Amino acid sequence: MGRRNSRRNREFVPLDLDRIRGGLRRTEVRRGREYTVQQVSAERAIKVYTCPGCNLEIPVGQAHVVVFSADNIMGDDAAIADRRHWHSHCWRIA
């Protein structure tokens, strides 16, 4: 009896290279709270932000991370609206 290949029945979804280059989301725990963290590559860093860790600018073209609460009581939309851009180093030591 031959092996069934269940992948034939799935719809093909092309690989999103921009998303991969931009970084995958991960969950981290800091001081008992869960945060969603996503890398921003230098190529995708197109605006200036102020890092909440050191209050210095994150210039255009500098790789950094975007952080938002993973357990916001107001829901995912509110959490994303409250996201903050951090220097990668500042987030690591926060």
C-alpha atoms as a PDB file:
ATOM      1  CA  MET A   1       0.000   0.000   0.000  1.00  0.00           C
ATOM      2  CA  GLY A   2       1.429   3.376  -1.011  1.00  0.00           C
ATOM      3  CA  ARG A   3       2.025   6.293   1.314  1.00  0.00           C
ATOM      4  CA  ARG A   4      -0.487   9.120   1.155  1.00  0.00           C
ATOM      5  CA  ASN A   5       0.989  12.525   0.592  1.00  0.00           C
ATOM      6  CA  SER A   6      -1.236  14.963   2.463  1.00  0.00           C
ATOM      7  CA  ARG A   7       0.723  17.940   1.140  1.00  0.00           C
ATOM      8  CA  ARG A   8      -0.925  17.578  -2.279  1.00  0.00           C
ATOM      9  CA  ASN A   9      -4.229  18.721  -0.823  1.00  0.00           C
ATOM     10  CA  ARG A  10      -2.810  21.889   0.746  1.00  0.00           C
ATOM     11  CA  GLU A  11      -2.841  25.236  -0.982  1.00  0.00           C
ATOM     12  CA  PHE A  12       0.610  26.478  -2.025  1.00  0.00           C
ATOM     13  CA  VAL A  13       1.682  29.560  -0.088  1.00  0.00           C
ATOM     14  CA  PRO A  14       4.767  31.295  -1.501  1.00  0.00           C
ATOM     15  CA  LEU A  15       7.611  32.118   0.862  1.00  0.00           C
ATOM     16  CA  ASP A  16       7.434  35.738   2.061  1.00  0.00           C
ATOM     17  CA  LEU A  17      11.082  36.842   1.925  1.00  0.00           C
ATOM     18  CA  ASP A  18      10.316  40.349   3.204  1.00  0.00           C
ATOM     19  CA  ARG A  19       8.799  38.875   6.365  1.00  0.00           C
ATOM     20  CA  ILE A  20      11.803  36.602   6.895  1.00  0.00           C
ATOM     21  CA  ARG A  21      14.222  39.458   6.384  1.00  0.00           C
ATOM     22  CA  GLY A  22      12.174  41.577   8.778  1.00  0.00           C
ATOM     23  CA  GLY A  23      12.392  38.991  11.521  1.00  0.00           C
ATOM     24  CA  LEU A  24      10.060  36.490  13.060  1.00  0.00           C
ATOM     25  CA  ARG A  25       8.074  37.274  16.174  1.00  0.00           C
ATOM     26  CA  ARG A  26       8.964  35.626  19.427  1.00  0.00           C
ATOM     27  CA  THR A  27       7.607  35.826  22.960  1.00  0.00           C
ATOM     28  CA  GLU A  28       9.821  36.856  25.867  1.00  0.00           C
ATOM     29  CA  VAL A  29       9.063  37.233  29.573  1.00  0.00           C
ATOM     30  CA  ARG A  30      10.348  40.285  31.460  1.00  0.00           C
ATOM     31  CA  ARG A  31       9.469  41.010  35.087  1.00  0.00           C
ATOM     32  CA  GLY A  32       6.628  38.482  34.983  1.00  0.00           C
ATOM     33  CA  ARG A  33       4.975  39.879  31.829  1.00  0.00           C
ATOM     34  CA  GLU A  34       4.960  38.415  28.341  1.00  0.00           C
ATOM     35  CA  TYR A  35       6.102  40.553  25.427  1.00  0.00           C
ATOM     36  CA  THR A  36       6.082  39.961  21.698  1.00  0.00           C
ATOM     37  CA  VAL A  37       9.423  40.935  20.163  1.00  0.00           C
ATOM     38  CA  GLN A  38      10.176  41.334  16.468  1.00  0.00           C
ATOM     39  CA  GLN A  39      13.487  42.192  14.825  1.00  0.00           C
ATOM     40  CA  VAL A  40      13.553  45.126  12.411  1.00  0.00           C
ATOM     41  CA  SER A  41      16.354  44.851   9.852  1.00  0.00           C
ATOM     42  CA  ALA A  42      18.447  47.858   8.857  1.00  0.00           C
ATOM     43  CA  GLU A  43      16.799  47.839   5.422  1.00  0.00           C
ATOM     44  CA  ARG A  44      13.322  48.069   6.967  1.00  0.00           C
ATOM     45  CA  ALA A  45      14.242  50.743   9.531  1.00  0.00           C
ATOM     46  CA  ILE A  46      12.875  53.724   7.601  1.00  0.00           C
ATOM     47  CA  LYS A  47      11.847  56.082  10.432  1.00  0.00           C
ATOM     48  CA  VAL A  48      13.512  57.628  13.464  1.00  0.00           C
ATOM     49  CA  TYR A  49      12.268  56.368  16.853  1.00  0.00           C
ATOM     50  CA  THR A  50      13.156  57.141  20.459  1.00  0.00           C
ATOM     51  CA  CYS A  51      14.231  54.106  22.471  1.00  0.00           C
ATOM     52  CA  PRO A  52      12.336  53.906  25.799  1.00  0.00           C
ATOM     53  CA  GLY A  53      15.335  52.179  27.388  1.00  0.00           C
ATOM     54  CA  CYS A  54      17.883  54.965  26.948  1.00  0.00           C
ATOM     55  CA  ASN A  55      15.810  57.838  25.499  1.00  0.00           C
ATOM     56  CA  LEU A  56      18.234  58.141  22.568  1.00  0.00           C
ATOM     57  CA  GLU A  57      17.258  58.093  18.912  1.00  0.00           C
ATOM     58  CA  ILE A  58      17.193  54.964  16.800  1.00  0.00           C
ATOM     59  CA  PRO A  59      18.245  56.408  13.450  1.00  0.00           C
ATOM     60  CA  VAL A  60      17.032  55.415   9.998  1.00  0.00           C
ATOM     61  CA  GLY A  61      18.932  52.353   8.812  1.00  0.00           C
ATOM     62  CA  GLN A  62      19.749  50.923  12.254  1.00  0.00           C
ATOM     63  CA  ALA A  63      18.502  47.423  13.056  1.00  0.00           C
ATOM     64  CA  HIS A  64      16.452  47.272  16.261  1.00  0.00           C
ATOM     65  CA  VAL A  65      13.495  45.468  17.876  1.00  0.00           C
ATOM     66  CA  VAL A  66       9.801  46.272  18.169  1.00  0.00           C
ATOM     67  CA  VAL A  67       8.221  45.222  21.470  1.00  0.00           C
ATOM     68  CA  PHE A  68       4.600  45.075  22.595  1.00  0.00           C
ATOM     69  CA  SER A  69       2.689  43.393  25.392  1.00  0.00           C
ATOM     70  CA  ALA A  70       1.630  39.860  24.513  1.00  0.00           C
ATOM     71  CA  ASP A  71      -1.122  39.849  27.137  1.00  0.00           C
ATOM     72  CA  ASN A  72      -2.779  43.247  26.792  1.00  0.00           C
ATOM     73  CA  ILE A  73      -6.203  43.179  28.459  1.00  0.00           C
ATOM     74  CA  MET A  74      -7.556  45.447  25.695  1.00  0.00           C
ATOM     75  CA  GLY A  75      -6.640  42.917  22.989  1.00  0.00           C
ATOM     76  CA  ASP A  76      -4.105  42.536  20.229  1.00  0.00           C
ATOM     77  CA  ASP A  77      -5.005  45.760  18.414  1.00  0.00           C
ATOM     78  CA  ALA A  78      -4.388  47.831  21.553  1.00  0.00           C
ATOM     79  CA  ALA A  79      -1.122  45.991  22.210  1.00  0.00           C
ATOM     80  CA  ILE A  80       0.139  46.694  18.704  1.00  0.00           C
ATOM     81  CA  ALA A  81      -0.883  50.355  19.001  1.00  0.00           C
ATOM     82  CA  ASP A  82       1.232  50.551  22.190  1.00  0.00           C
ATOM     83  CA  ARG A  83       4.322  48.965  20.592  1.00  0.00           C
ATOM     84  CA  ARG A  84       7.707  50.542  21.203  1.00  0.00           C
ATOM     85  CA  HIS A  85      10.918  50.478  19.203  1.00  0.00           C
ATOM     86  CA  TRP A  86      14.012  49.613  21.274  1.00  0.00           C
ATOM     87  CA  HIS A  87      17.718  49.423  20.550  1.00  0.00           C
ATOM     88  CA  SER A  88      18.475  45.692  20.551  1.00  0.00           C
ATOM     89  CA  HIS A  89      21.044  46.166  23.332  1.00  0.00           C
ATOM     90  CA  CYS A  90      18.673  48.215  25.491  1.00  0.00           C
ATOM     91  CA  TRP A  91      15.993  45.525  25.226  1.00  0.00           C
ATOM     92  CA  ARG A  92      18.483  42.766  26.150  1.00  0.00           C
ATOM     93  CA  ILE A  93      19.450  44.548  29.378  1.00  0.00           C
ATOM     94  CA  ALA A  94      15.953  45.842  30.245  1.00  0.00           C
END
